[in-house]
Amino acid sequence: DCLSDREKLCKFYVGQGFIKVNECLVFGKYPTA
């Protein structure tokens, strides 16, 4: 998982074969992918 607003990091993970399966607020305050 990572913070969902880290677009470059999220794209990096997708480029490594990962698929985003969920996005939610963790601990009520961290938007997490």
PDB file of all heavy atoms in Angstrom:
ATOM      1  N   ASP A   1       0.852  -1.185   0.000  1.00  0.00           N
ATOM      2  CA  ASP A   1       0.000   0.000   0.000  1.00  0.00           C
ATOM      3  C   ASP A   1       0.887   1.234   0.000  1.00  0.00           C
ATOM      4  O   ASP A   1       2.068   1.163   0.325  1.00  0.00           O
ATOM      5  CB  ASP A   1      -0.927   0.007   1.222  1.00  0.00           C
ATOM      6  CG  ASP A   1      -0.164   0.053   2.523  1.00  0.00           C
ATOM      7  OD1 ASP A   1       0.172   1.165   2.972  1.00  0.00           O
ATOM      8  OD2 ASP A   1       0.117  -1.023   3.094  1.00  0.00           O
ATOM      9  N   CYS A   2       0.299   2.350  -0.403  1.00  0.00           N
ATOM     10  CA  CYS A   2       0.996   3.630  -0.364  1.00  0.00           C
ATOM     11  C   CYS A   2      -0.049   4.742  -0.327  1.00  0.00           C
ATOM     12  O   CYS A   2      -1.229   4.491  -0.581  1.00  0.00           O
ATOM     13  CB  CYS A   2       1.938   3.809  -1.549  1.00  0.00           C
ATOM     14  SG  CYS A   2       1.131   4.007  -3.145  1.00  0.00           S
ATOM     15  N   LEU A   3       0.387   5.932  -0.023  1.00  0.00           N
ATOM     16  CA  LEU A   3      -0.537   7.059  -0.056  1.00  0.00           C
ATOM     17  C   LEU A   3      -1.044   7.230  -1.483  1.00  0.00           C
ATOM     18  O   LEU A   3      -0.269   7.226  -2.437  1.00  0.00           O
ATOM     19  CB  LEU A   3       0.145   8.335   0.436  1.00  0.00           C
ATOM     20  CG  LEU A   3       0.514   8.345   1.917  1.00  0.00           C
ATOM     21  CD1 LEU A   3       1.258   9.624   2.271  1.00  0.00           C
ATOM     22  CD2 LEU A   3      -0.727   8.200   2.790  1.00  0.00           C
ATOM     23  N   SER A   4      -2.346   7.366  -1.619  1.00  0.00           N
ATOM     24  CA  SER A   4      -2.949   7.375  -2.964  1.00  0.00           C
ATOM     25  C   SER A   4      -2.653   8.643  -3.752  1.00  0.00           C
ATOM     26  O   SER A   4      -2.785   8.645  -4.973  1.00  0.00           O
ATOM     27  CB  SER A   4      -4.458   7.151  -2.868  1.00  0.00           C
ATOM     28  OG  SER A   4      -5.053   8.135  -2.064  1.00  0.00           O
ATOM     29  N   ASP A   5      -2.207   9.712  -3.080  1.00  0.00           N
ATOM     30  CA  ASP A   5      -1.897  10.937  -3.823  1.00  0.00           C
ATOM     31  C   ASP A   5      -0.473  10.935  -4.389  1.00  0.00           C
ATOM     32  O   ASP A   5      -0.066  11.888  -5.035  1.00  0.00           O
ATOM     33  CB  ASP A   5      -2.121  12.179  -2.951  1.00  0.00           C
ATOM     34  CG  ASP A   5      -1.182  12.249  -1.760  1.00  0.00           C
ATOM     35  OD1 ASP A   5      -0.445  11.268  -1.493  1.00  0.00           O
ATOM     36  OD2 ASP A   5      -1.193  13.294  -1.072  1.00  0.00           O
ATOM     37  N   ARG A   6       0.256   9.861  -4.196  1.00  0.00           N
ATOM     38  CA  ARG A   6       1.608   9.726  -4.754  1.00  0.00           C
ATOM     39  C   ARG A   6       1.507   9.106  -6.145  1.00  0.00           C
ATOM     40  O   ARG A   6       1.733   7.919  -6.342  1.00  0.00           O
ATOM     41  CB  ARG A   6       2.490   8.875  -3.847  1.00  0.00           C
ATOM     42  CG  ARG A   6       2.625   9.429  -2.466  1.00  0.00           C
ATOM     43  CD  ARG A   6       3.381  10.778  -2.490  1.00  0.00           C
ATOM     44  NE  ARG A   6       3.095  11.594  -1.345  1.00  0.00           N
ATOM     45  CZ  ARG A   6       3.622  11.464  -0.150  1.00  0.00           C
ATOM     46  NH1 ARG A   6       4.483  10.517   0.089  1.00  0.00           N
ATOM     47  NH2 ARG A   6       3.290  12.284   0.823  1.00  0.00           N
ATOM     48  N   GLU A   7       1.106   9.949  -7.108  1.00  0.00           N
ATOM     49  CA  GLU A   7       0.824   9.456  -8.455  1.00  0.00           C
ATOM     50  C   GLU A   7       2.016   8.736  -9.078  1.00  0.00           C
ATOM     51  O   GLU A   7       1.861   7.676  -9.690  1.00  0.00           O
ATOM     52  CB  GLU A   7       0.376  10.607  -9.355  1.00  0.00           C
ATOM     53  CG  GLU A   7      -0.994  11.135  -9.002  1.00  0.00           C
ATOM     54  CD  GLU A   7      -1.418  12.292  -9.892  1.00  0.00           C
ATOM     55  OE1 GLU A   7      -1.018  12.314 -11.076  1.00  0.00           O
ATOM     56  OE2 GLU A   7      -2.159  13.159  -9.395  1.00  0.00           O
ATOM     57  N   LYS A   8       3.204   9.297  -8.939  1.00  0.00           N
ATOM     58  CA  LYS A   8       4.398   8.683  -9.536  1.00  0.00           C
ATOM     59  C   LYS A   8       4.666   7.306  -8.918  1.00  0.00           C
ATOM     60  O   LYS A   8       4.988   6.352  -9.628  1.00  0.00           O
ATOM     61  CB  LYS A   8       5.595   9.607  -9.352  1.00  0.00           C
ATOM     62  CG  LYS A   8       6.839   9.157 -10.062  1.00  0.00           C
ATOM     63  CD  LYS A   8       7.951  10.193  -9.920  1.00  0.00           C
ATOM     64  CE  LYS A   8       9.220   9.713 -10.581  1.00  0.00           C
ATOM     65  NZ  LYS A   8      10.325  10.661 -10.402  1.00  0.00           N
ATOM     66  N   LEU A   9       4.512   7.206  -7.611  1.00  0.00           N
ATOM     67  CA  LEU A   9       4.727   5.932  -6.930  1.00  0.00           C
ATOM     68  C   LEU A   9       3.665   4.911  -7.337  1.00  0.00           C
ATOM     69  O   LEU A   9       3.983   3.747  -7.609  1.00  0.00           O
ATOM     70  CB  LEU A   9       4.731   6.144  -5.418  1.00  0.00           C
ATOM     71  CG  LEU A   9       5.041   4.931  -4.556  1.00  0.00           C
ATOM     72  CD1 LEU A   9       6.390   4.318  -4.916  1.00  0.00           C
ATOM     73  CD2 LEU A   9       4.993   5.317  -3.079  1.00  0.00           C
ATOM     74  N   CYS A  10       2.409   5.345  -7.397  1.00  0.00           N
ATOM     75  CA  CYS A  10       1.336   4.439  -7.831  1.00  0.00           C
ATOM     76  C   CYS A  10       1.595   3.933  -9.251  1.00  0.00           C
ATOM     77  O   CYS A  10       1.432   2.740  -9.529  1.00  0.00           O
ATOM     78  CB  CYS A  10      -0.017   5.133  -7.732  1.00  0.00           C
ATOM     79  SG  CYS A  10      -0.580   5.436  -6.038  1.00  0.00           S
ATOM     80  N   LYS A  11       2.023   4.826 -10.139  1.00  0.00           N
ATOM     81  CA  LYS A  11       2.337   4.410 -11.515  1.00  0.00           C
ATOM     82  C   LYS A  11       3.522   3.448 -11.547  1.00  0.00           C
ATOM     83  O   LYS A  11       3.542   2.511 -12.345  1.00  0.00           O
ATOM     84  CB  LYS A  11       2.637   5.635 -12.383  1.00  0.00           C
ATOM     85  CG  LYS A  11       1.405   6.423 -12.756  1.00  0.00           C
ATOM     86  CD  LYS A  11       1.758   7.621 -13.621  1.00  0.00           C
ATOM     87  CE  LYS A  11       0.512   8.428 -13.918  1.00  0.00           C
ATOM     88  NZ  LYS A  11       0.809   9.642 -14.690  1.00  0.00           N
ATOM     89  N   PHE A  12       4.492   3.678 -10.679  1.00  0.00           N
ATOM     90  CA  PHE A  12       5.631   2.765 -10.592  1.00  0.00           C
ATOM     91  C   PHE A  12       5.159   1.358 -10.237  1.00  0.00           C
ATOM     92  O   PHE A  12       5.555   0.373 -10.868  1.00  0.00           O
ATOM     93  CB  PHE A  12       6.649   3.267  -9.562  1.00  0.00           C
ATOM     94  CG  PHE A  12       7.703   2.257  -9.224  1.00  0.00           C
ATOM     95  CD1 PHE A  12       8.724   1.982 -10.117  1.00  0.00           C
ATOM     96  CD2 PHE A  12       7.659   1.560  -8.024  1.00  0.00           C
ATOM     97  CE1 PHE A  12       9.696   1.024  -9.816  1.00  0.00           C
ATOM     98  CE2 PHE A  12       8.615   0.610  -7.719  1.00  0.00           C
ATOM     99  CZ  PHE A  12       9.641   0.341  -8.610  1.00  0.00           C
ATOM    100  N   TYR A  13       4.293   1.257  -9.222  1.00  0.00           N
ATOM    101  CA  TYR A  13       3.802  -0.067  -8.822  1.00  0.00           C
ATOM    102  C   TYR A  13       3.011  -0.733  -9.943  1.00  0.00           C
ATOM    103  O   TYR A  13       3.182  -1.926 -10.206  1.00  0.00           O
ATOM    104  CB  TYR A  13       2.970   0.020  -7.542  1.00  0.00           C
ATOM    105  CG  TYR A  13       3.794   0.332  -6.313  1.00  0.00           C
ATOM    106  CD1 TYR A  13       3.345   1.248  -5.369  1.00  0.00           C
ATOM    107  CD2 TYR A  13       5.020  -0.284  -6.092  1.00  0.00           C
ATOM    108  CE1 TYR A  13       4.096   1.532  -4.235  1.00  0.00           C
ATOM    109  CE2 TYR A  13       5.776   0.002  -4.973  1.00  0.00           C
ATOM    110  CZ  TYR A  13       5.313   0.907  -4.047  1.00  0.00           C
ATOM    111  OH  TYR A  13       6.060   1.191  -2.926  1.00  0.00           O
ATOM    112  N   VAL A  14       2.183   0.025 -10.635  1.00  0.00           N
ATOM    113  CA  VAL A  14       1.439  -0.534 -11.776  1.00  0.00           C
ATOM    114  C   VAL A  14       2.426  -1.027 -12.833  1.00  0.00           C
ATOM    115  O   VAL A  14       2.250  -2.108 -13.405  1.00  0.00           O
ATOM    116  CB  VAL A  14       0.445   0.505 -12.339  1.00  0.00           C
ATOM    117  CG1 VAL A  14      -0.132   0.035 -13.663  1.00  0.00           C
ATOM    118  CG2 VAL A  14      -0.678   0.762 -11.330  1.00  0.00           C
ATOM    119  N   GLY A  15       3.472  -0.280 -13.061  1.00  0.00           N
ATOM    120  CA  GLY A  15       4.489  -0.682 -14.033  1.00  0.00           C
ATOM    121  C   GLY A  15       5.248  -1.935 -13.628  1.00  0.00           C
ATOM    122  O   GLY A  15       5.872  -2.590 -14.465  1.00  0.00           O
ATOM    123  N   GLN A  16       5.185  -2.273 -12.361  1.00  0.00           N
ATOM    124  CA  GLN A  16       5.841  -3.489 -11.866  1.00  0.00           C
ATOM    125  C   GLN A  16       4.867  -4.664 -11.763  1.00  0.00           C
ATOM    126  O   GLN A  16       5.174  -5.679 -11.145  1.00  0.00           O
ATOM    127  CB  GLN A  16       6.490  -3.224 -10.501  1.00  0.00           C
ATOM    128  CG  GLN A  16       7.575  -2.174 -10.534  1.00  0.00           C
ATOM    129  CD  GLN A  16       8.619  -2.485 -11.581  1.00  0.00           C
ATOM    130  OE1 GLN A  16       9.175  -3.581 -11.620  1.00  0.00           O
ATOM    131  NE2 GLN A  16       8.885  -1.531 -12.460  1.00  0.00           N
ATOM    132  N   GLY A  17       3.692  -4.519 -12.361  1.00  0.00           N
ATOM    133  CA  GLY A  17       2.742  -5.622 -12.408  1.00  0.00           C
ATOM    134  C   GLY A  17       1.687  -5.616 -11.325  1.00  0.00           C
ATOM    135  O   GLY A  17       0.935  -6.580 -11.184  1.00  0.00           O
ATOM    136  N   PHE A  18       1.618  -4.544 -10.559  1.00  0.00           N
ATOM    137  CA  PHE A  18       0.620  -4.452  -9.497  1.00  0.00           C
ATOM    138  C   PHE A  18      -0.661  -3.827 -10.035  1.00  0.00           C
ATOM    139  O   PHE A  18      -0.635  -3.008 -10.945  1.00  0.00           O
ATOM    140  CB  PHE A  18       1.148  -3.608  -8.322  1.00  0.00           C
ATOM    141  CG  PHE A  18       2.204  -4.310  -7.516  1.00  0.00           C
ATOM    142  CD1 PHE A  18       3.519  -4.343  -7.947  1.00  0.00           C
ATOM    143  CD2 PHE A  18       1.886  -4.944  -6.330  1.00  0.00           C
ATOM    144  CE1 PHE A  18       4.505  -4.989  -7.215  1.00  0.00           C
ATOM    145  CE2 PHE A  18       2.854  -5.592  -5.585  1.00  0.00           C
ATOM    146  CZ  PHE A  18       4.167  -5.617  -6.030  1.00  0.00           C
ATOM    147  N   ILE A  19      -1.768  -4.224  -9.435  1.00  0.00           N
ATOM    148  CA  ILE A  19      -3.089  -3.698  -9.786  1.00  0.00           C
ATOM    149  C   ILE A  19      -3.665  -3.056  -8.530  1.00  0.00           C
ATOM    150  O   ILE A  19      -3.622  -3.660  -7.447  1.00  0.00           O
ATOM    151  CB  ILE A  19      -4.021  -4.834 -10.263  1.00  0.00           C
ATOM    152  CG1 ILE A  19      -3.467  -5.487 -11.524  1.00  0.00           C
ATOM    153  CG2 ILE A  19      -5.434  -4.324 -10.481  1.00  0.00           C
ATOM    154  CD1 ILE A  19      -4.131  -6.804 -11.854  1.00  0.00           C
ATOM    155  N   LYS A  20      -4.208  -1.843  -8.684  1.00  0.00           N
ATOM    156  CA  LYS A  20      -4.857  -1.209  -7.529  1.00  0.00           C
ATOM    157  C   LYS A  20      -6.176  -1.924  -7.292  1.00  0.00           C
ATOM    158  O   LYS A  20      -7.022  -1.995  -8.173  1.00  0.00           O
ATOM    159  CB  LYS A  20      -5.081   0.279  -7.765  1.00  0.00           C
ATOM    160  CG  LYS A  20      -5.667   0.963  -6.534  1.00  0.00           C
ATOM    161  CD  LYS A  20      -5.541   2.468  -6.524  1.00  0.00           C
ATOM    162  CE  LYS A  20      -6.365   3.123  -7.568  1.00  0.00           C
ATOM    163  NZ  LYS A  20      -6.455   4.584  -7.383  1.00  0.00           N
ATOM    164  N   VAL A  21      -6.342  -2.448  -6.073  1.00  0.00           N
ATOM    165  CA  VAL A  21      -7.537  -3.223  -5.749  1.00  0.00           C
ATOM    166  C   VAL A  21      -8.457  -2.506  -4.768  1.00  0.00           C
ATOM    167  O   VAL A  21      -9.595  -2.931  -4.569  1.00  0.00           O
ATOM    168  CB  VAL A  21      -7.171  -4.621  -5.203  1.00  0.00           C
ATOM    169  CG1 VAL A  21      -6.492  -5.457  -6.287  1.00  0.00           C
ATOM    170  CG2 VAL A  21      -6.299  -4.521  -3.957  1.00  0.00           C
ATOM    171  N   ASN A  22      -7.975  -1.419  -4.168  1.00  0.00           N
ATOM    172  CA  ASN A  22      -8.811  -0.693  -3.218  1.00  0.00           C
ATOM    173  C   ASN A  22      -8.170   0.660  -2.933  1.00  0.00           C
ATOM    174  O   ASN A  22      -6.969   0.844  -3.124  1.00  0.00           O
ATOM    175  CB  ASN A  22      -8.973  -1.473  -1.913  1.00  0.00           C
ATOM    176  CG  ASN A  22     -10.058  -0.923  -1.014  1.00  0.00           C
ATOM    177  OD1 ASN A  22     -10.921  -0.164  -1.450  1.00  0.00           O
ATOM    178  ND2 ASN A  22     -10.027  -1.307   0.252  1.00  0.00           N
ATOM    179  N   GLU A  23      -9.001   1.582  -2.483  1.00  0.00           N
ATOM    180  CA  GLU A  23      -8.527   2.873  -2.016  1.00  0.00           C
ATOM    181  C   GLU A  23      -9.467   3.307  -0.907  1.00  0.00           C
ATOM    182  O   GLU A  23     -10.682   3.228  -1.056  1.00  0.00           O
ATOM    183  CB  GLU A  23      -8.523   3.890  -3.160  1.00  0.00           C
ATOM    184  CG  GLU A  23      -7.810   5.164  -2.821  1.00  0.00           C
ATOM    185  CD  GLU A  23      -7.610   6.070  -4.024  1.00  0.00           C
ATOM    186  OE1 GLU A  23      -7.377   5.562  -5.141  1.00  0.00           O
ATOM    187  OE2 GLU A  23      -7.687   7.290  -3.821  1.00  0.00           O
ATOM    188  N   CYS A  24      -8.895   3.723   0.215  1.00  0.00           N
ATOM    189  CA  CYS A  24      -9.719   4.156   1.342  1.00  0.00           C
ATOM    190  C   CYS A  24      -8.893   5.021   2.282  1.00  0.00           C
ATOM    191  O   CYS A  24      -7.681   5.135   2.128  1.00  0.00           O
ATOM    192  CB  CYS A  24     -10.307   2.954   2.083  1.00  0.00           C
ATOM    193  SG  CYS A  24      -9.093   1.914   2.900  1.00  0.00           S
ATOM    194  N   LEU A  25      -9.572   5.610   3.252  1.00  0.00           N
ATOM    195  CA  LEU A  25      -8.893   6.372   4.295  1.00  0.00           C
ATOM    196  C   LEU A  25      -8.446   5.402   5.378  1.00  0.00           C
ATOM    197  O   LEU A  25      -9.264   4.669   5.940  1.00  0.00           O
ATOM    198  CB  LEU A  25      -9.818   7.416   4.911  1.00  0.00           C
ATOM    199  CG  LEU A  25     -10.048   8.693   4.133  1.00  0.00           C
ATOM    200  CD1 LEU A  25     -11.016   9.608   4.890  1.00  0.00           C
ATOM    201  CD2 LEU A  25      -8.743   9.421   3.863  1.00  0.00           C
ATOM    202  N   VAL A  26      -7.156   5.380   5.666  1.00  0.00           N
ATOM    203  CA  VAL A  26      -6.625   4.537   6.724  1.00  0.00           C
ATOM    204  C   VAL A  26      -6.530   5.387   7.988  1.00  0.00           C
ATOM    205  O   VAL A  26      -6.086   6.534   7.935  1.00  0.00           O
ATOM    206  CB  VAL A  26      -5.249   3.969   6.326  1.00  0.00           C
ATOM    207  CG1 VAL A  26      -4.591   3.255   7.490  1.00  0.00           C
ATOM    208  CG2 VAL A  26      -5.400   3.015   5.146  1.00  0.00           C
ATOM    209  N   PHE A  27      -6.963   4.824   9.097  1.00  0.00           N
ATOM    210  CA  PHE A  27      -7.000   5.520  10.378  1.00  0.00           C
ATOM    211  C   PHE A  27      -7.789   6.821  10.276  1.00  0.00           C
ATOM    212  O   PHE A  27      -7.520   7.788  10.986  1.00  0.00           O
ATOM    213  CB  PHE A  27      -5.594   5.794  10.919  1.00  0.00           C
ATOM    214  CG  PHE A  27      -4.727   4.566  10.996  1.00  0.00           C
ATOM    215  CD1 PHE A  27      -3.487   4.540  10.394  1.00  0.00           C
ATOM    216  CD2 PHE A  27      -5.161   3.430  11.662  1.00  0.00           C
ATOM    217  CE1 PHE A  27      -2.686   3.408  10.460  1.00  0.00           C
ATOM    218  CE2 PHE A  27      -4.367   2.299  11.730  1.00  0.00           C
ATOM    219  CZ  PHE A  27      -3.124   2.288  11.127  1.00  0.00           C
ATOM    220  N   GLY A  28      -8.741   6.854   9.342  1.00  0.00           N
ATOM    221  CA  GLY A  28      -9.616   7.996   9.187  1.00  0.00           C
ATOM    222  C   GLY A  28      -8.997   9.246   8.596  1.00  0.00           C
ATOM    223  O   GLY A  28      -9.651  10.270   8.496  1.00  0.00           O
ATOM    224  N   LYS A  29      -7.705   9.157   8.176  1.00  0.00           N
ATOM    225  CA  LYS A  29      -7.084  10.381   7.671  1.00  0.00           C
ATOM    226  C   LYS A  29      -6.065  10.200   6.551  1.00  0.00           C
ATOM    227  O   LYS A  29      -5.678  11.182   5.931  1.00  0.00           O
ATOM    228  CB  LYS A  29      -6.451  11.173   8.810  1.00  0.00           C
ATOM    229  CG  LYS A  29      -5.359  10.471   9.560  1.00  0.00           C
ATOM    230  CD  LYS A  29      -4.853  11.372  10.691  1.00  0.00           C
ATOM    231  CE  LYS A  29      -3.762  10.684  11.492  1.00  0.00           C
ATOM    232  NZ  LYS A  29      -3.239  11.554  12.546  1.00  0.00           N
ATOM    233  N   TYR A  30      -5.606   9.005   6.267  1.00  0.00           N
ATOM    234  CA  TYR A  30      -4.585   8.798   5.240  1.00  0.00           C
ATOM    235  C   TYR A  30      -5.203   8.159   4.001  1.00  0.00           C
ATOM    236  O   TYR A  30      -5.532   6.964   4.029  1.00  0.00           O
ATOM    237  CB  TYR A  30      -3.456   7.909   5.760  1.00  0.00           C
ATOM    238  CG  TYR A  30      -2.765   8.459   6.982  1.00  0.00           C
ATOM    239  CD1 TYR A  30      -2.941   7.867   8.232  1.00  0.00           C
ATOM    240  CD2 TYR A  30      -1.948   9.580   6.884  1.00  0.00           C
ATOM    241  CE1 TYR A  30      -2.307   8.370   9.358  1.00  0.00           C
ATOM    242  CE2 TYR A  30      -1.307  10.096   8.005  1.00  0.00           C
ATOM    243  CZ  TYR A  30      -1.497   9.482   9.235  1.00  0.00           C
ATOM    244  OH  TYR A  30      -0.875   9.994  10.346  1.00  0.00           O
ATOM    245  N   PRO A  31      -5.349   8.917   2.899  1.00  0.00           N
ATOM    246  CA  PRO A  31      -5.873   8.311   1.669  1.00  0.00           C
ATOM    247  C   PRO A  31      -4.854   7.305   1.128  1.00  0.00           C
ATOM    248  O   PRO A  31      -3.741   7.683   0.749  1.00  0.00           O
ATOM    249  CB  PRO A  31      -6.065   9.500   0.734  1.00  0.00           C
ATOM    250  CG  PRO A  31      -5.173  10.567   1.265  1.00  0.00           C
ATOM    251  CD  PRO A  31      -5.003  10.323   2.729  1.00  0.00           C
ATOM    252  N   THR A  32      -5.246   6.049   1.138  1.00  0.00           N
ATOM    253  CA  THR A  32      -4.310   4.966   0.851  1.00  0.00           C
ATOM    254  C   THR A  32      -4.797   4.117  -0.310  1.00  0.00           C
ATOM    255  O   THR A  32      -5.971   3.766  -0.382  1.00  0.00           O
ATOM    256  CB  THR A  32      -4.132   4.083   2.115  1.00  0.00           C
ATOM    257  OG1 THR A  32      -3.699   4.928   3.193  1.00  0.00           O
ATOM    258  CG2 THR A  32      -3.124   2.981   1.894  1.00  0.00           C
ATOM    259  N   ALA A  33      -3.862   3.793  -1.198  1.00  0.00           N
ATOM    260  CA  ALA A  33      -4.129   2.886  -2.314  1.00  0.00           C
ATOM    261  C   ALA A  33      -3.529   1.522  -1.970  1.00  0.00           C
ATOM    262  O   ALA A  33      -2.402   1.439  -1.473  1.00  0.00           O
ATOM    263  CB  ALA A  33      -3.510   3.428  -3.600  1.00  0.00           C
TER     264      ALA A  33
END
